[in-house]
Amino acid sequence: MQVFYFAEEYFSTNRHNYYIKTAQRFDELPRFTGSQIEALDMLDEIAEELRFYIIFEPGDIQFLHNHVTADGRTIYRD
């Protein structure tokens, strides 16, 4: 899947650097260039700069569209 693309005329992303970078383990894939690695690292920096935390309480729920929102979560106890 492309990292950036348009879906139904909307800009979309599937940016999960861990998965993108670990794909390099497959020999048949082209190696990333220095510029591509730099761009992926810059996306991580921007995400870190713009992130915010939401504290959830029991009963809270959140819906996100993973292709238009970069999201993650910390360790939790169910």
PDB file of N, CA and C in Angstrom:
ATOM      1  N   MET A   1       0.846  -1.177   0.000  1.00  0.00           N
ATOM      2  CA  MET A   1       0.000   0.000   0.000  1.00  0.00           C
ATOM      3  C   MET A   1       0.890   1.238   0.000  1.00  0.00           C
ATOM      4  N   GLN A   2       0.491   2.204  -0.752  1.00  0.00           N
ATOM      5  CA  GLN A   2       1.227   3.455  -0.784  1.00  0.00           C
ATOM      6  C   GLN A   2       1.125   4.175   0.557  1.00  0.00           C
ATOM      7  N   VAL A   3       2.131   4.943   0.876  1.00  0.00           N
ATOM      8  CA  VAL A   3       2.105   5.723   2.111  1.00  0.00           C
ATOM      9  C   VAL A   3       1.117   6.879   1.982  1.00  0.00           C
ATOM     10  N   PHE A   4       1.135   7.571   0.843  1.00  0.00           N
ATOM     11  CA  PHE A   4       0.210   8.674   0.578  1.00  0.00           C
ATOM     12  C   PHE A   4      -0.540   8.390  -0.716  1.00  0.00           C
ATOM     13  N   TYR A   5      -1.816   8.681  -0.733  1.00  0.00           N
ATOM     14  CA  TYR A   5      -2.612   8.463  -1.933  1.00  0.00           C
ATOM     15  C   TYR A   5      -3.938   9.205  -1.797  1.00  0.00           C
ATOM     16  N   PHE A   6      -4.680   9.225  -2.869  1.00  0.00           N
ATOM     17  CA  PHE A   6      -6.016   9.813  -2.853  1.00  0.00           C
ATOM     18  C   PHE A   6      -7.032   8.687  -2.959  1.00  0.00           C
ATOM     19  N   ALA A   7      -8.007   8.690  -2.054  1.00  0.00           N
ATOM     20  CA  ALA A   7      -9.085   7.706  -2.062  1.00  0.00           C
ATOM     21  C   ALA A   7     -10.392   8.476  -2.142  1.00  0.00           C
ATOM     22  N   GLU A   8     -11.131   8.234  -3.191  1.00  0.00           N
ATOM     23  CA  GLU A   8     -12.402   8.938  -3.396  1.00  0.00           C
ATOM     24  C   GLU A   8     -12.217  10.453  -3.268  1.00  0.00           C
ATOM     25  N   GLU A   9     -11.172  10.962  -3.885  1.00  0.00           N
ATOM     26  CA  GLU A   9     -10.843  12.381  -3.934  1.00  0.00           C
ATOM     27  C   GLU A   9     -10.377  12.968  -2.599  1.00  0.00           C
ATOM     28  N   TYR A  10     -10.119  12.135  -1.603  1.00  0.00           N
ATOM     29  CA  TYR A  10      -9.620  12.605  -0.317  1.00  0.00           C
ATOM     30  C   TYR A  10      -8.184  12.144  -0.139  1.00  0.00           C
ATOM     31  N   PHE A  11      -7.353  13.059   0.341  1.00  0.00           N
ATOM     32  CA  PHE A  11      -5.982  12.697   0.660  1.00  0.00           C
ATOM     33  C   PHE A  11      -6.006  11.699   1.798  1.00  0.00           C
ATOM     34  N   SER A  12      -5.243  10.659   1.680  1.00  0.00           N
ATOM     35  CA  SER A  12      -5.231   9.614   2.689  1.00  0.00           C
ATOM     36  C   SER A  12      -3.805   9.147   2.922  1.00  0.00           C
ATOM     37  N   THR A  13      -3.571   8.569   4.057  1.00  0.00           N
ATOM     38  CA  THR A  13      -2.252   8.034   4.373  1.00  0.00           C
ATOM     39  C   THR A  13      -2.384   6.749   5.163  1.00  0.00           C
ATOM     40  N   ASN A  14      -1.417   5.906   4.996  1.00  0.00           N
ATOM     41  CA  ASN A  14      -1.281   4.689   5.791  1.00  0.00           C
ATOM     42  C   ASN A  14       0.148   4.697   6.293  1.00  0.00           C
ATOM     43  N   ARG A  15       0.400   5.550   7.231  1.00  0.00           N
ATOM     44  CA  ARG A  15       1.750   5.807   7.693  1.00  0.00           C
ATOM     45  C   ARG A  15       2.013   5.092   9.017  1.00  0.00           C
ATOM     46  N   HIS A  16       2.615   3.960   8.903  1.00  0.00           N
ATOM     47  CA  HIS A  16       3.060   3.210  10.083  1.00  0.00           C
ATOM     48  C   HIS A  16       4.522   2.868   9.828  1.00  0.00           C
ATOM     49  N   ASN A  17       5.411   3.753  10.250  1.00  0.00           N
ATOM     50  CA  ASN A  17       6.813   3.608   9.897  1.00  0.00           C
ATOM     51  C   ASN A  17       7.404   2.264  10.284  1.00  0.00           C
ATOM     52  N   TYR A  18       6.961   1.705  11.378  1.00  0.00           N
ATOM     53  CA  TYR A  18       7.488   0.400  11.773  1.00  0.00           C
ATOM     54  C   TYR A  18       7.261  -0.616  10.660  1.00  0.00           C
ATOM     55  N   TYR A  19       6.052  -0.683  10.157  1.00  0.00           N
ATOM     56  CA  TYR A  19       5.731  -1.653   9.105  1.00  0.00           C
ATOM     57  C   TYR A  19       6.413  -1.296   7.786  1.00  0.00           C
ATOM     58  N   ILE A  20       6.464  -0.016   7.492  1.00  0.00           N
ATOM     59  CA  ILE A  20       7.102   0.415   6.252  1.00  0.00           C
ATOM     60  C   ILE A  20       8.583   0.031   6.273  1.00  0.00           C
ATOM     61  N   LYS A  21       9.256   0.340   7.363  1.00  0.00           N
ATOM     62  CA  LYS A  21      10.692   0.076   7.445  1.00  0.00           C
ATOM     63  C   LYS A  21      11.002  -1.414   7.547  1.00  0.00           C
ATOM     64  N   THR A  22      10.176  -2.195   8.237  1.00  0.00           N
ATOM     65  CA  THR A  22      10.466  -3.624   8.362  1.00  0.00           C
ATOM     66  C   THR A  22      10.238  -4.369   7.051  1.00  0.00           C
ATOM     67  N   ALA A  23       9.539  -3.751   6.099  1.00  0.00           N
ATOM     68  CA  ALA A  23       9.367  -4.390   4.787  1.00  0.00           C
ATOM     69  C   ALA A  23      10.701  -4.553   4.079  1.00  0.00           C
ATOM     70  N   GLN A  24      11.701  -3.807   4.512  1.00  0.00           N
ATOM     71  CA  GLN A  24      13.023  -3.911   3.900  1.00  0.00           C
ATOM     72  C   GLN A  24      13.673  -5.271   4.126  1.00  0.00           C
ATOM     73  N   ARG A  25      13.098  -6.087   4.979  1.00  0.00           N
ATOM     74  CA  ARG A  25      13.640  -7.433   5.215  1.00  0.00           C
ATOM     75  C   ARG A  25      13.460  -8.341   4.001  1.00  0.00           C
ATOM     76  N   PHE A  26      12.574  -7.954   3.084  1.00  0.00           N
ATOM     77  CA  PHE A  26      12.347  -8.753   1.883  1.00  0.00           C
ATOM     78  C   PHE A  26      13.344  -8.335   0.800  1.00  0.00           C
ATOM     79  N   ASP A  27      14.182  -9.274   0.404  1.00  0.00           N
ATOM     80  CA  ASP A  27      15.240  -8.975  -0.563  1.00  0.00           C
ATOM     81  C   ASP A  27      14.713  -8.502  -1.908  1.00  0.00           C
ATOM     82  N   GLU A  28      13.502  -8.924  -2.281  1.00  0.00           N
ATOM     83  CA  GLU A  28      12.983  -8.567  -3.597  1.00  0.00           C
ATOM     84  C   GLU A  28      12.477  -7.123  -3.684  1.00  0.00           C
ATOM     85  N   LEU A  29      12.386  -6.445  -2.549  1.00  0.00           N
ATOM     86  CA  LEU A  29      11.941  -5.049  -2.561  1.00  0.00           C
ATOM     87  C   LEU A  29      13.126  -4.120  -2.758  1.00  0.00           C
ATOM     88  N   PRO A  30      12.910  -3.007  -3.476  1.00  0.00           N
ATOM     89  CA  PRO A  30      14.005  -2.045  -3.637  1.00  0.00           C
ATOM     90  C   PRO A  30      14.382  -1.446  -2.285  1.00  0.00           C
ATOM     91  N   ARG A  31      15.643  -1.125  -2.130  1.00  0.00           N
ATOM     92  CA  ARG A  31      16.135  -0.507  -0.890  1.00  0.00           C
ATOM     93  C   ARG A  31      15.718   0.958  -0.858  1.00  0.00           C
ATOM     94  N   PHE A  32      15.439   1.450   0.343  1.00  0.00           N
ATOM     95  CA  PHE A  32      15.119   2.864   0.497  1.00  0.00           C
ATOM     96  C   PHE A  32      16.338   3.705   0.173  1.00  0.00           C
ATOM     97  N   THR A  33      16.077   4.828  -0.431  1.00  0.00           N
ATOM     98  CA  THR A  33      17.147   5.800  -0.652  1.00  0.00           C
ATOM     99  C   THR A  33      17.327   6.611   0.624  1.00  0.00           C
ATOM    100  N   GLY A  34      18.414   7.343   0.697  1.00  0.00           N
ATOM    101  CA  GLY A  34      18.630   8.225   1.840  1.00  0.00           C
ATOM    102  C   GLY A  34      17.517   9.249   1.985  1.00  0.00           C
ATOM    103  N   SER A  35      17.047   9.773   0.857  1.00  0.00           N
ATOM    104  CA  SER A  35      15.954  10.762   0.885  1.00  0.00           C
ATOM    105  C   SER A  35      14.661  10.149   1.412  1.00  0.00           C
ATOM    106  N   GLN A  36      14.391   8.906   1.048  1.00  0.00           N
ATOM    107  CA  GLN A  36      13.173   8.249   1.531  1.00  0.00           C
ATOM    108  C   GLN A  36      13.246   8.004   3.031  1.00  0.00           C
ATOM    109  N   ILE A  37      14.391   7.571   3.512  1.00  0.00           N
ATOM    110  CA  ILE A  37      14.564   7.364   4.954  1.00  0.00           C
ATOM    111  C   ILE A  37      14.425   8.684   5.693  1.00  0.00           C
ATOM    112  N   GLU A  38      15.022   9.736   5.145  1.00  0.00           N
ATOM    113  CA  GLU A  38      14.912  11.065   5.748  1.00  0.00           C
ATOM    114  C   GLU A  38      13.455  11.518   5.805  1.00  0.00           C
ATOM    115  N   ALA A  39      12.686  11.268   4.739  1.00  0.00           N
ATOM    116  CA  ALA A  39      11.272  11.667   4.703  1.00  0.00           C
ATOM    117  C   ALA A  39      10.465  10.896   5.754  1.00  0.00           C
ATOM    118  N   LEU A  40      10.710   9.594   5.892  1.00  0.00           N
ATOM    119  CA  LEU A  40      10.000   8.806   6.900  1.00  0.00           C
ATOM    120  C   LEU A  40      10.347   9.292   8.303  1.00  0.00           C
ATOM    121  N   ASP A  41      11.617   9.586   8.540  1.00  0.00           N
ATOM    122  CA  ASP A  41      12.025  10.106   9.849  1.00  0.00           C
ATOM    123  C   ASP A  41      11.382  11.460  10.130  1.00  0.00           C
ATOM    124  N   MET A  42      11.252  12.294   9.098  1.00  0.00           N
ATOM    125  CA  MET A  42      10.621  13.597   9.272  1.00  0.00           C
ATOM    126  C   MET A  42       9.142  13.430   9.653  1.00  0.00           C
ATOM    127  N   LEU A  43       8.470  12.450   9.058  1.00  0.00           N
ATOM    128  CA  LEU A  43       7.074  12.193   9.427  1.00  0.00           C
ATOM    129  C   LEU A  43       6.965  11.825  10.904  1.00  0.00           C
ATOM    130  N   ASP A  44       7.899  11.025  11.401  1.00  0.00           N
ATOM    131  CA  ASP A  44       7.901  10.690  12.828  1.00  0.00           C
ATOM    132  C   ASP A  44       8.093  11.934  13.684  1.00  0.00           C
ATOM    133  N   GLU A  45       8.995  12.808  13.276  1.00  0.00           N
ATOM    134  CA  GLU A  45       9.239  14.044  14.030  1.00  0.00           C
ATOM    135  C   GLU A  45       8.009  14.934  14.056  1.00  0.00           C
ATOM    136  N   ILE A  46       7.347  15.070  12.915  1.00  0.00           N
ATOM    137  CA  ILE A  46       6.143  15.901  12.843  1.00  0.00           C
ATOM    138  C   ILE A  46       5.033  15.306  13.704  1.00  0.00           C
ATOM    139  N   ALA A  47       4.867  14.002  13.631  1.00  0.00           N
ATOM    140  CA  ALA A  47       3.835  13.347  14.442  1.00  0.00           C
ATOM    141  C   ALA A  47       4.100  13.559  15.931  1.00  0.00           C
ATOM    142  N   GLU A  48       5.357  13.476  16.325  1.00  0.00           N
ATOM    143  CA  GLU A  48       5.718  13.703  17.730  1.00  0.00           C
ATOM    144  C   GLU A  48       5.426  15.141  18.136  1.00  0.00           C
ATOM    145  N   GLU A  49       5.743  16.074  17.263  1.00  0.00           N
ATOM    146  CA  GLU A  49       5.528  17.492  17.548  1.00  0.00           C
ATOM    147  C   GLU A  49       4.043  17.836  17.681  1.00  0.00           C
ATOM    148  N   LEU A  50       3.196  17.198  16.881  1.00  0.00           N
ATOM    149  CA  LEU A  50       1.772  17.543  16.844  1.00  0.00           C
ATOM    150  C   LEU A  50       0.894  16.635  17.702  1.00  0.00           C
ATOM    151  N   ARG A  51       1.467  15.690  18.377  1.00  0.00           N
ATOM    152  CA  ARG A  51       0.655  14.710  19.113  1.00  0.00           C
ATOM    153  C   ARG A  51      -0.011  15.321  20.346  1.00  0.00           C
ATOM    154  N   PHE A  52      -1.059  14.663  20.767  1.00  0.00           N
ATOM    155  CA  PHE A  52      -1.682  14.998  22.031  1.00  0.00           C
ATOM    156  C   PHE A  52      -2.231  13.722  22.636  1.00  0.00           C
ATOM    157  N   TYR A  53      -2.388  13.744  23.943  1.00  0.00           N
ATOM    158  CA  TYR A  53      -2.859  12.575  24.663  1.00  0.00           C
ATOM    159  C   TYR A  53      -4.297  12.784  25.102  1.00  0.00           C
ATOM    160  N   ILE A  54      -5.047  11.718  25.082  1.00  0.00           N
ATOM    161  CA  ILE A  54      -6.405  11.725  25.609  1.00  0.00           C
ATOM    162  C   ILE A  54      -6.451  10.680  26.716  1.00  0.00           C
ATOM    163  N   ILE A  55      -6.893  11.085  27.873  1.00  0.00           N
ATOM    164  CA  ILE A  55      -7.028  10.158  28.987  1.00  0.00           C
ATOM    165  C   ILE A  55      -8.430   9.571  28.932  1.00  0.00           C
ATOM    166  N   PHE A  56      -8.507   8.265  28.824  1.00  0.00           N
ATOM    167  CA  PHE A  56      -9.795   7.593  28.763  1.00  0.00           C
ATOM    168  C   PHE A  56     -10.204   7.107  30.139  1.00  0.00           C
ATOM    169  N   GLU A  57     -11.465   7.242  30.389  1.00  0.00           N
ATOM    170  CA  GLU A  57     -12.067   6.742  31.625  1.00  0.00           C
ATOM    171  C   GLU A  57     -12.926   5.532  31.276  1.00  0.00           C
ATOM    172  N   PRO A  58     -13.228   4.687  32.251  1.00  0.00           N
ATOM    173  CA  PRO A  58     -14.090   3.531  31.960  1.00  0.00           C
ATOM    174  C   PRO A  58     -15.374   3.973  31.259  1.00  0.00           C
ATOM    175  N   GLY A  59     -15.694   3.294  30.172  1.00  0.00           N
ATOM    176  CA  GLY A  59     -16.887   3.602  29.396  1.00  0.00           C
ATOM    177  C   GLY A  59     -16.633   4.518  28.211  1.00  0.00           C
ATOM    178  N   ASP A  60     -15.463   5.166  28.158  1.00  0.00           N
ATOM    179  CA  ASP A  60     -15.135   6.037  27.036  1.00  0.00           C
ATOM    180  C   ASP A  60     -14.881   5.201  25.787  1.00  0.00           C
ATOM    181  N   ILE A  61     -15.157   5.785  24.650  1.00  0.00           N
ATOM    182  CA  ILE A  61     -14.899   5.132  23.373  1.00  0.00           C
ATOM    183  C   ILE A  61     -14.433   6.196  22.382  1.00  0.00           C
ATOM    184  N   GLN A  62     -13.610   5.790  21.448  1.00  0.00           N
ATOM    185  CA  GLN A  62     -13.103   6.718  20.448  1.00  0.00           C
ATOM    186  C   GLN A  62     -13.115   6.021  19.094  1.00  0.00           C
ATOM    187  N   PHE A  63     -13.578   6.721  18.077  1.00  0.00           N
ATOM    188  CA  PHE A  63     -13.564   6.207  16.710  1.00  0.00           C
ATOM    189  C   PHE A  63     -12.619   7.070  15.883  1.00  0.00           C
ATOM    190  N   LEU A  64     -11.696   6.431  15.183  1.00  0.00           N
ATOM    191  CA  LEU A  64     -10.764   7.125  14.312  1.00  0.00           C
ATOM    192  C   LEU A  64     -10.711   6.405  12.975  1.00  0.00           C
ATOM    193  N   HIS A  65     -10.491   7.144  11.941  1.00  0.00           N
ATOM    194  CA  HIS A  65     -10.257   6.554  10.623  1.00  0.00           C
ATOM    195  C   HIS A  65      -8.742   6.527  10.447  1.00  0.00           C
ATOM    196  N   ASN A  66      -8.153   5.342  10.479  1.00  0.00           N
ATOM    197  CA  ASN A  66      -6.698   5.220  10.490  1.00  0.00           C
ATOM    198  C   ASN A  66      -6.010   5.708   9.229  1.00  0.00           C
ATOM    199  N   HIS A  67      -6.740   5.993   8.176  1.00  0.00           N
ATOM    200  CA  HIS A  67      -6.097   6.465   6.959  1.00  0.00           C
ATOM    201  C   HIS A  67      -6.085   7.984   6.856  1.00  0.00           C
ATOM    202  N   VAL A  68      -6.743   8.652   7.775  1.00  0.00           N
ATOM    203  CA  VAL A  68      -6.715  10.118   7.781  1.00  0.00           C
ATOM    204  C   VAL A  68      -6.267  10.668   9.137  1.00  0.00           C
ATOM    205  N   THR A  69      -6.043   9.798  10.098  1.00  0.00           N
ATOM    206  CA  THR A  69      -5.585  10.192  11.424  1.00  0.00           C
ATOM    207  C   THR A  69      -4.417   9.297  11.812  1.00  0.00           C
ATOM    208  N   ALA A  70      -3.300   9.901  12.147  1.00  0.00           N
ATOM    209  CA  ALA A  70      -2.183   9.112  12.667  1.00  0.00           C
ATOM    210  C   ALA A  70      -2.454   8.911  14.146  1.00  0.00           C
ATOM    211  N   ASP A  71      -2.597   7.682  14.553  1.00  0.00           N
ATOM    212  CA  ASP A  71      -2.938   7.420  15.949  1.00  0.00           C
ATOM    213  C   ASP A  71      -2.056   6.313  16.499  1.00  0.00           C
ATOM    214  N   GLY A  72      -2.046   6.236  17.775  1.00  0.00           N
ATOM    215  CA  GLY A  72      -1.320   5.195  18.485  1.00  0.00           C
ATOM    216  C   GLY A  72      -1.872   5.113  19.879  1.00  0.00           C
ATOM    217  N   ARG A  73      -1.357   4.192  20.649  1.00  0.00           N
ATOM    218  CA  ARG A  73      -1.808   4.093  22.029  1.00  0.00           C
ATOM    219  C   ARG A  73      -0.672   3.623  22.901  1.00  0.00           C
ATOM    220  N   THR A  74      -0.789   3.934  24.156  1.00  0.00           N
ATOM    221  CA  THR A  74       0.178   3.462  25.136  1.00  0.00           C
ATOM    222  C   THR A  74      -0.335   2.164  25.719  1.00  0.00           C
ATOM    223  N   ILE A  75       0.474   1.555  26.539  1.00  0.00           N
ATOM    224  CA  ILE A  75       0.069   0.316  27.209  1.00  0.00           C
ATOM    225  C   ILE A  75      -1.144   0.610  28.099  1.00  0.00           C
ATOM    226  N   TYR A  76      -2.062  -0.297  28.136  1.00  0.00           N
ATOM    227  CA  TYR A  76      -3.250  -0.101  28.964  1.00  0.00           C
ATOM    228  C   TYR A  76      -3.591  -1.412  29.672  1.00  0.00           C
ATOM    229  N   ARG A  77      -4.405  -1.283  30.692  1.00  0.00           N
ATOM    230  CA  ARG A  77      -4.915  -2.444  31.398  1.00  0.00           C
ATOM    231  C   ARG A  77      -6.408  -2.487  31.180  1.00  0.00           C
ATOM    232  N   ASP A  78      -6.903  -3.596  30.663  1.00  0.00           N
ATOM    233  CA  ASP A  78      -8.336  -3.731  30.355  1.00  0.00           C
ATOM    234  C   ASP A  78      -9.110  -4.000  31.625  1.00  0.00           C
TER     235      ASP A  78
END
